[in-house]
């Protein structure tokens, strides 16, 4: 019987959290942690002709981070 109440309460919590997240998104609130990688700098370096490897070494970031930023930046343009 206790497990039924626990499951019911968990579902209620999940519903309230999702409603809160939805309201936050509607207000334009950014969810998640702040980016630690300078996206504008990565894009500028790539546009200046630097290779991905050179960007990685200069900014001390991983290749996949550079590729991800470059891919998402092309979708925004």
PDB file of N, CA and C in Angstrom:
ATOM      1  N   UNK A   1       0.826  -1.198   0.000  1.00  0.00           N
ATOM      2  CA  UNK A   1       0.000   0.000   0.000  1.00  0.00           C
ATOM      3  C   UNK A   1       0.868   1.258   0.000  1.00  0.00           C
ATOM      4  N   UNK A   2       1.971   1.199   0.776  1.00  0.00           N
ATOM      5  CA  UNK A   2       2.866   2.353   0.844  1.00  0.00           C
ATOM      6  C   UNK A   2       3.502   2.636  -0.519  1.00  0.00           C
ATOM      7  N   UNK A   3       3.817   1.564  -1.253  1.00  0.00           N
ATOM      8  CA  UNK A   3       4.444   1.772  -2.559  1.00  0.00           C
ATOM      9  C   UNK A   3       3.484   2.445  -3.536  1.00  0.00           C
ATOM     10  N   UNK A   4       2.194   2.186  -3.414  1.00  0.00           N
ATOM     11  CA  UNK A   4       1.201   2.825  -4.271  1.00  0.00           C
ATOM     12  C   UNK A   4       1.183   4.321  -4.005  1.00  0.00           C
ATOM     13  N   UNK A   5       1.201   4.723  -2.726  1.00  0.00           N
ATOM     14  CA  UNK A   5       1.220   6.138  -2.381  1.00  0.00           C
ATOM     15  C   UNK A   5       2.531   6.798  -2.814  1.00  0.00           C
ATOM     16  N   UNK A   6       3.637   6.087  -2.667  1.00  0.00           N
ATOM     17  CA  UNK A   6       4.933   6.626  -3.071  1.00  0.00           C
ATOM     18  C   UNK A   6       4.973   6.851  -4.583  1.00  0.00           C
ATOM     19  N   UNK A   7       4.448   5.914  -5.340  1.00  0.00           N
ATOM     20  CA  UNK A   7       4.419   6.055  -6.786  1.00  0.00           C
ATOM     21  C   UNK A   7       3.512   7.218  -7.198  1.00  0.00           C
ATOM     22  N   UNK A   8       2.369   7.336  -6.533  1.00  0.00           N
ATOM     23  CA  UNK A   8       1.447   8.429  -6.817  1.00  0.00           C
ATOM     24  C   UNK A   8       2.121   9.775  -6.536  1.00  0.00           C
ATOM     25  N   UNK A   9       2.788   9.886  -5.392  1.00  0.00           N
ATOM     26  CA  UNK A   9       3.475  11.136  -5.034  1.00  0.00           C
ATOM     27  C   UNK A   9       4.583  11.447  -6.033  1.00  0.00           C
ATOM     28  N   UNK A  10       5.318  10.456  -6.450  1.00  0.00           N
ATOM     29  CA  UNK A  10       6.392  10.662  -7.431  1.00  0.00           C
ATOM     30  C   UNK A  10       5.843  11.167  -8.746  1.00  0.00           C
ATOM     31  N   UNK A  11       4.724  10.634  -9.180  1.00  0.00           N
ATOM     32  CA  UNK A  11       4.085  11.105 -10.411  1.00  0.00           C
ATOM     33  C   UNK A  11       3.611  12.543 -10.277  1.00  0.00           C
ATOM     34  N   UNK A  12       3.109  12.898  -9.101  1.00  0.00           N
ATOM     35  CA  UNK A  12       2.675  14.282  -8.856  1.00  0.00           C
ATOM     36  C   UNK A  12       3.872  15.236  -8.924  1.00  0.00           C
ATOM     37  N   UNK A  13       4.974  14.837  -8.317  1.00  0.00           N
ATOM     38  CA  UNK A  13       6.187  15.664  -8.344  1.00  0.00           C
ATOM     39  C   UNK A  13       6.673  15.835  -9.778  1.00  0.00           C
ATOM     40  N   UNK A  14       6.707  14.743 -10.523  1.00  0.00           N
ATOM     41  CA  UNK A  14       7.159  14.790 -11.916  1.00  0.00           C
ATOM     42  C   UNK A  14       6.290  15.739 -12.739  1.00  0.00           C
ATOM     43  N   UNK A  15       4.989  15.687 -12.522  1.00  0.00           N
ATOM     44  CA  UNK A  15       4.068  16.561 -13.247  1.00  0.00           C
ATOM     45  C   UNK A  15       4.315  18.025 -12.905  1.00  0.00           C
ATOM     46  N   UNK A  16       4.477  18.331 -11.610  1.00  0.00           N
ATOM     47  CA  UNK A  16       4.714  19.719 -11.196  1.00  0.00           C
ATOM     48  C   UNK A  16       6.034  20.252 -11.737  1.00  0.00           C
ATOM     49  N   UNK A  17       7.063  19.425 -11.726  1.00  0.00           N
ATOM     50  CA  UNK A  17       8.367  19.854 -12.244  1.00  0.00           C
ATOM     51  C   UNK A  17       8.272  20.149 -13.736  1.00  0.00           C
ATOM     52  N   UNK A  18       7.638  19.281 -14.485  1.00  0.00           N
ATOM     53  CA  UNK A  18       7.511  19.492 -15.927  1.00  0.00           C
ATOM     54  C   UNK A  18       6.691  20.738 -16.241  1.00  0.00           C
ATOM     55  N   UNK A  19       5.642  20.988 -15.468  1.00  0.00           N
ATOM     56  CA  UNK A  19       4.854  22.204 -15.668  1.00  0.00           C
ATOM     57  C   UNK A  19       5.705  23.445 -15.393  1.00  0.00           C
ATOM     58  N   UNK A  20       6.528  23.389 -14.374  1.00  0.00           N
ATOM     59  CA  UNK A  20       7.415  24.502 -14.056  1.00  0.00           C
ATOM     60  C   UNK A  20       8.432  24.748 -15.158  1.00  0.00           C
ATOM     61  N   UNK A  21       8.989  23.685 -15.689  1.00  0.00           N
ATOM     62  CA  UNK A  21       9.949  23.831 -16.785  1.00  0.00           C
ATOM     63  C   UNK A  21       9.286  24.420 -18.019  1.00  0.00           C
ATOM     64  N   UNK A  22       8.067  23.988 -18.303  1.00  0.00           N
ATOM     65  CA  UNK A  22       7.334  24.505 -19.459  1.00  0.00           C
ATOM     66  C   UNK A  22       7.083  25.999 -19.299  1.00  0.00           C
ATOM     67  N   UNK A  23       6.646  26.421 -18.111  1.00  0.00           N
ATOM     68  CA  UNK A  23       6.421  27.853 -17.862  1.00  0.00           C
ATOM     69  C   UNK A  23       7.723  28.645 -17.986  1.00  0.00           C
ATOM     70  N   UNK A  24       8.814  28.076 -17.502  1.00  0.00           N
ATOM     71  CA  UNK A  24      10.106  28.756 -17.586  1.00  0.00           C
ATOM     72  C   UNK A  24      10.528  28.925 -19.043  1.00  0.00           C
ATOM     73  N   UNK A  25      10.342  27.889 -19.860  1.00  0.00           N
ATOM     74  CA  UNK A  25      10.696  27.983 -21.276  1.00  0.00           C
ATOM     75  C   UNK A  25       9.863  29.043 -21.978  1.00  0.00           C
ATOM     76  N   UNK A  26       8.580  29.135 -21.618  1.00  0.00           N
ATOM     77  CA  UNK A  26       7.703  30.134 -22.217  1.00  0.00           C
ATOM     78  C   UNK A  26       8.160  31.545 -21.874  1.00  0.00           C
ATOM     79  N   UNK A  27       8.737  31.711 -20.688  1.00  0.00           N
ATOM     80  CA  UNK A  27       9.241  33.019 -20.269  1.00  0.00           C
ATOM     81  C   UNK A  27      10.618  33.308 -20.850  1.00  0.00           C
ATOM     82  N   UNK A  28      11.230  32.311 -21.483  1.00  0.00           N
ATOM     83  CA  UNK A  28      12.539  32.493 -22.084  1.00  0.00           C
ATOM     84  C   UNK A  28      13.696  32.247 -21.142  1.00  0.00           C
ATOM     85  N   UNK A  29      13.442  31.578 -20.036  1.00  0.00           N
ATOM     86  CA  UNK A  29      14.492  31.278 -19.072  1.00  0.00           C
ATOM     87  C   UNK A  29      15.366  30.159 -19.620  1.00  0.00           C
ATOM     88  N   UNK A  30      16.680  30.331 -19.509  1.00  0.00           N
ATOM     89  CA  UNK A  30      17.617  29.308 -19.964  1.00  0.00           C
ATOM     90  C   UNK A  30      17.728  28.235 -18.890  1.00  0.00           C
ATOM     91  N   UNK A  31      17.489  26.984 -19.278  1.00  0.00           N
ATOM     92  CA  UNK A  31      17.614  25.870 -18.358  1.00  0.00           C
ATOM     93  C   UNK A  31      18.951  25.190 -18.588  1.00  0.00           C
ATOM     94  N   UNK A  32      19.594  24.772 -17.542  1.00  0.00           N
ATOM     95  CA  UNK A  32      20.882  24.102 -17.655  1.00  0.00           C
ATOM     96  C   UNK A  32      22.016  25.021 -17.248  1.00  0.00           C
ATOM     97  N   UNK A  33      23.217  24.484 -17.276  1.00  0.00           N
ATOM     98  CA  UNK A  33      24.357  25.279 -16.844  1.00  0.00           C
ATOM     99  C   UNK A  33      24.840  26.204 -17.953  1.00  0.00           C
ATOM    100  N   UNK A  34      25.600  27.212 -17.562  1.00  0.00           N
ATOM    101  CA  UNK A  34      26.123  28.170 -18.519  1.00  0.00           C
ATOM    102  C   UNK A  34      27.270  27.535 -19.298  1.00  0.00           C
ATOM    103  N   UNK A  35      27.408  27.945 -20.548  1.00  0.00           N
ATOM    104  CA  UNK A  35      28.458  27.408 -21.402  1.00  0.00           C
ATOM    105  C   UNK A  35      29.815  27.929 -20.944  1.00  0.00           C
ATOM    106  N   UNK A  36      30.794  27.040 -20.938  1.00  0.00           N
ATOM    107  CA  UNK A  36      32.145  27.426 -20.556  1.00  0.00           C
ATOM    108  C   UNK A  36      33.041  27.600 -21.772  1.00  0.00           C
ATOM    109  N   UNK A  37      32.522  27.289 -22.945  1.00  0.00           N
ATOM    110  CA  UNK A  37      33.296  27.383 -24.178  1.00  0.00           C
ATOM    111  C   UNK A  37      32.872  28.652 -24.919  1.00  0.00           C
ATOM    112  N   UNK A  38      33.841  29.488 -25.297  1.00  0.00           N
ATOM    113  CA  UNK A  38      33.514  30.737 -26.007  1.00  0.00           C
ATOM    114  C   UNK A  38      33.097  30.456 -27.448  1.00  0.00           C
ATOM    115  N   UNK A  39      31.811  30.292 -27.674  1.00  0.00           N
ATOM    116  CA  UNK A  39      31.302  29.902 -28.992  1.00  0.00           C
ATOM    117  C   UNK A  39      31.654  30.935 -30.061  1.00  0.00           C
ATOM    118  N   UNK A  40      31.521  32.200 -29.738  1.00  0.00           N
ATOM    119  CA  UNK A  40      31.818  33.242 -30.727  1.00  0.00           C
ATOM    120  C   UNK A  40      33.286  33.206 -31.133  1.00  0.00           C
ATOM    121  N   UNK A  41      34.148  32.917 -30.180  1.00  0.00           N
ATOM    122  CA  UNK A  41      35.576  32.852 -30.472  1.00  0.00           C
ATOM    123  C   UNK A  41      35.895  31.645 -31.367  1.00  0.00           C
ATOM    124  N   UNK A  42      35.251  30.524 -31.101  1.00  0.00           N
ATOM    125  CA  UNK A  42      35.459  29.336 -31.930  1.00  0.00           C
ATOM    126  C   UNK A  42      35.034  29.620 -33.365  1.00  0.00           C
ATOM    127  N   UNK A  43      33.881  30.235 -33.533  1.00  0.00           N
ATOM    128  CA  UNK A  43      33.364  30.544 -34.871  1.00  0.00           C
ATOM    129  C   UNK A  43      34.275  31.541 -35.580  1.00  0.00           C
ATOM    130  N   UNK A  44      34.728  32.561 -34.850  1.00  0.00           N
ATOM    131  CA  UNK A  44      35.614  33.561 -35.448  1.00  0.00           C
ATOM    132  C   UNK A  44      36.938  32.943 -35.887  1.00  0.00           C
ATOM    133  N   UNK A  45      37.490  32.063 -35.059  1.00  0.00           N
ATOM    134  CA  UNK A  45      38.750  31.408 -35.419  1.00  0.00           C
ATOM    135  C   UNK A  45      38.585  30.540 -36.660  1.00  0.00           C
ATOM    136  N   UNK A  46      37.454  29.849 -36.754  1.00  0.00           N
ATOM    137  CA  UNK A  46      37.213  28.993 -37.919  1.00  0.00           C
ATOM    138  C   UNK A  46      37.043  29.841 -39.177  1.00  0.00           C
ATOM    139  N   UNK A  47      36.328  30.968 -39.055  1.00  0.00           N
ATOM    140  CA  UNK A  47      36.136  31.850 -40.202  1.00  0.00           C
ATOM    141  C   UNK A  47      37.454  32.479 -40.648  1.00  0.00           C
ATOM    142  N   UNK A  48      38.385  32.660 -39.710  1.00  0.00           N
ATOM    143  CA  UNK A  48      39.683  33.239 -40.069  1.00  0.00           C
ATOM    144  C   UNK A  48      40.585  32.223 -40.754  1.00  0.00           C
ATOM    145  N   UNK A  49      40.142  30.973 -40.845  1.00  0.00           N
ATOM    146  CA  UNK A  49      40.886  29.975 -41.587  1.00  0.00           C
ATOM    147  C   UNK A  49      41.655  28.974 -40.748  1.00  0.00           C
ATOM    148  N   UNK A  50      41.498  29.023 -39.442  1.00  0.00           N
ATOM    149  CA  UNK A  50      42.218  28.071 -38.585  1.00  0.00           C
ATOM    150  C   UNK A  50      41.574  26.692 -38.684  1.00  0.00           C
ATOM    151  N   UNK A  51      42.404  25.682 -38.518  1.00  0.00           N
ATOM    152  CA  UNK A  51      41.896  24.310 -38.540  1.00  0.00           C
ATOM    153  C   UNK A  51      41.268  23.982 -37.187  1.00  0.00           C
ATOM    154  N   UNK A  52      40.507  22.908 -37.173  1.00  0.00           N
ATOM    155  CA  UNK A  52      39.869  22.470 -35.937  1.00  0.00           C
ATOM    156  C   UNK A  52      40.926  22.109 -34.899  1.00  0.00           C
ATOM    157  N   UNK A  53      41.991  21.455 -35.344  1.00  0.00           N
ATOM    158  CA  UNK A  53      43.062  21.091 -34.417  1.00  0.00           C
ATOM    159  C   UNK A  53      43.712  22.322 -33.797  1.00  0.00           C
ATOM    160  N   UNK A  54      43.929  23.344 -34.594  1.00  0.00           N
ATOM    161  CA  UNK A  54      44.538  24.576 -34.084  1.00  0.00           C
ATOM    162  C   UNK A  54      43.620  25.268 -33.088  1.00  0.00           C
ATOM    163  N   UNK A  55      42.325  25.261 -33.365  1.00  0.00           N
ATOM    164  CA  UNK A  55      41.355  25.862 -32.450  1.00  0.00           C
ATOM    165  C   UNK A  55      41.354  25.108 -31.126  1.00  0.00           C
ATOM    166  N   UNK A  56      41.394  23.785 -31.203  1.00  0.00           N
ATOM    167  CA  UNK A  56      41.409  22.956 -29.992  1.00  0.00           C
ATOM    168  C   UNK A  56      42.621  23.266 -29.127  1.00  0.00           C
ATOM    169  N   UNK A  57      43.776  23.365 -29.760  1.00  0.00           N
ATOM    170  CA  UNK A  57      44.997  23.641 -29.008  1.00  0.00           C
ATOM    171  C   UNK A  57      44.981  25.048 -28.419  1.00  0.00           C
ATOM    172  N   UNK A  58      44.508  26.010 -29.183  1.00  0.00           N
ATOM    173  CA  UNK A  58      44.508  27.398 -28.722  1.00  0.00           C
ATOM    174  C   UNK A  58      43.562  27.615 -27.550  1.00  0.00           C
ATOM    175  N   UNK A  59      42.394  27.008 -27.615  1.00  0.00           N
ATOM    176  CA  UNK A  59      41.387  27.216 -26.571  1.00  0.00           C
ATOM    177  C   UNK A  59      41.373  26.107 -25.523  1.00  0.00           C
ATOM    178  N   UNK A  60      42.171  25.069 -25.738  1.00  0.00           N
ATOM    179  CA  UNK A  60      42.251  23.928 -24.827  1.00  0.00           C
ATOM    180  C   UNK A  60      40.879  23.287 -24.610  1.00  0.00           C
ATOM    181  N   UNK A  61      40.251  22.932 -25.737  1.00  0.00           N
ATOM    182  CA  UNK A  61      38.952  22.264 -25.700  1.00  0.00           C
ATOM    183  C   UNK A  61      39.014  21.036 -26.590  1.00  0.00           C
ATOM    184  N   UNK A  62      38.027  20.180 -26.479  1.00  0.00           N
ATOM    185  CA  UNK A  62      37.989  18.922 -27.217  1.00  0.00           C
ATOM    186  C   UNK A  62      37.442  19.142 -28.634  1.00  0.00           C
ATOM    187  N   UNK A  63      37.893  18.280 -29.551  1.00  0.00           N
ATOM    188  CA  UNK A  63      37.472  18.366 -30.951  1.00  0.00           C
ATOM    189  C   UNK A  63      35.953  18.303 -31.108  1.00  0.00           C
ATOM    190  N   UNK A  64      35.323  17.417 -30.355  1.00  0.00           N
ATOM    191  CA  UNK A  64      33.877  17.252 -30.498  1.00  0.00           C
ATOM    192  C   UNK A  64      33.141  18.531 -30.101  1.00  0.00           C
ATOM    193  N   UNK A  65      33.691  19.276 -29.155  1.00  0.00           N
ATOM    194  CA  UNK A  65      33.068  20.547 -28.755  1.00  0.00           C
ATOM    195  C   UNK A  65      33.136  21.554 -29.901  1.00  0.00           C
ATOM    196  N   UNK A  66      34.256  21.592 -30.576  1.00  0.00           N
ATOM    197  CA  UNK A  66      34.416  22.517 -31.709  1.00  0.00           C
ATOM    198  C   UNK A  66      33.447  22.137 -32.827  1.00  0.00           C
ATOM    199  N   UNK A  67      33.423  20.851 -33.182  1.00  0.00           N
ATOM    200  CA  UNK A  67      32.522  20.411 -34.253  1.00  0.00           C
ATOM    201  C   UNK A  67      31.056  20.681 -33.892  1.00  0.00           C
ATOM    202  N   UNK A  68      30.672  20.433 -32.625  1.00  0.00           N
ATOM    203  CA  UNK A  68      29.296  20.671 -32.200  1.00  0.00           C
ATOM    204  C   UNK A  68      28.939  22.152 -32.326  1.00  0.00           C
ATOM    205  N   UNK A  69      29.833  23.034 -31.881  1.00  0.00           N
ATOM    206  CA  UNK A  69      29.572  24.464 -31.975  1.00  0.00           C
ATOM    207  C   UNK A  69      29.489  24.927 -33.418  1.00  0.00           C
ATOM    208  N   UNK A  70      30.357  24.428 -34.248  1.00  0.00           N
ATOM    209  CA  UNK A  70      30.332  24.825 -35.657  1.00  0.00           C
ATOM    210  C   UNK A  70      29.065  24.326 -36.358  1.00  0.00           C
ATOM    211  N   UNK A  71      28.630  23.124 -35.990  1.00  0.00           N
ATOM    212  CA  UNK A  71      27.405  22.586 -36.594  1.00  0.00           C
ATOM    213  C   UNK A  71      26.184  23.376 -36.164  1.00  0.00           C
ATOM    214  N   UNK A  72      26.079  23.679 -34.874  1.00  0.00           N
ATOM    215  CA  UNK A  72      24.913  24.430 -34.405  1.00  0.00           C
ATOM    216  C   UNK A  72      24.933  25.861 -34.889  1.00  0.00           C
ATOM    217  N   UNK A  73      26.106  26.429 -35.111  1.00  0.00           N
ATOM    218  CA  UNK A  73      26.168  27.805 -35.587  1.00  0.00           C
ATOM    219  C   UNK A  73      25.715  27.905 -37.039  1.00  0.00           C
ATOM    220  N   UNK A  74      25.918  26.862 -37.843  1.00  0.00           N
ATOM    221  CA  UNK A  74      25.476  26.903 -39.223  1.00  0.00           C
ATOM    222  C   UNK A  74      23.954  26.805 -39.320  1.00  0.00           C
ATOM    223  N   UNK A  75      23.320  26.166 -38.334  1.00  0.00           N
ATOM    224  CA  UNK A  75      21.861  26.077 -38.333  1.00  0.00           C
ATOM    225  C   UNK A  75      21.240  27.414 -37.963  1.00  0.00           C
ATOM    226  N   UNK A  76      21.921  28.220 -37.177  1.00  0.00           N
ATOM    227  CA  UNK A  76      21.383  29.506 -36.737  1.00  0.00           C
ATOM    228  C   UNK A  76      21.518  30.573 -37.797  1.00  0.00           C
ATOM    229  N   UNK A  77      22.519  30.427 -38.688  1.00  0.00           N
ATOM    230  CA  UNK A  77      22.788  31.464 -39.687  1.00  0.00           C
ATOM    231  C   UNK A  77      21.799  31.391 -40.811  1.00  0.00           C
TER     232      UNK A  77
END
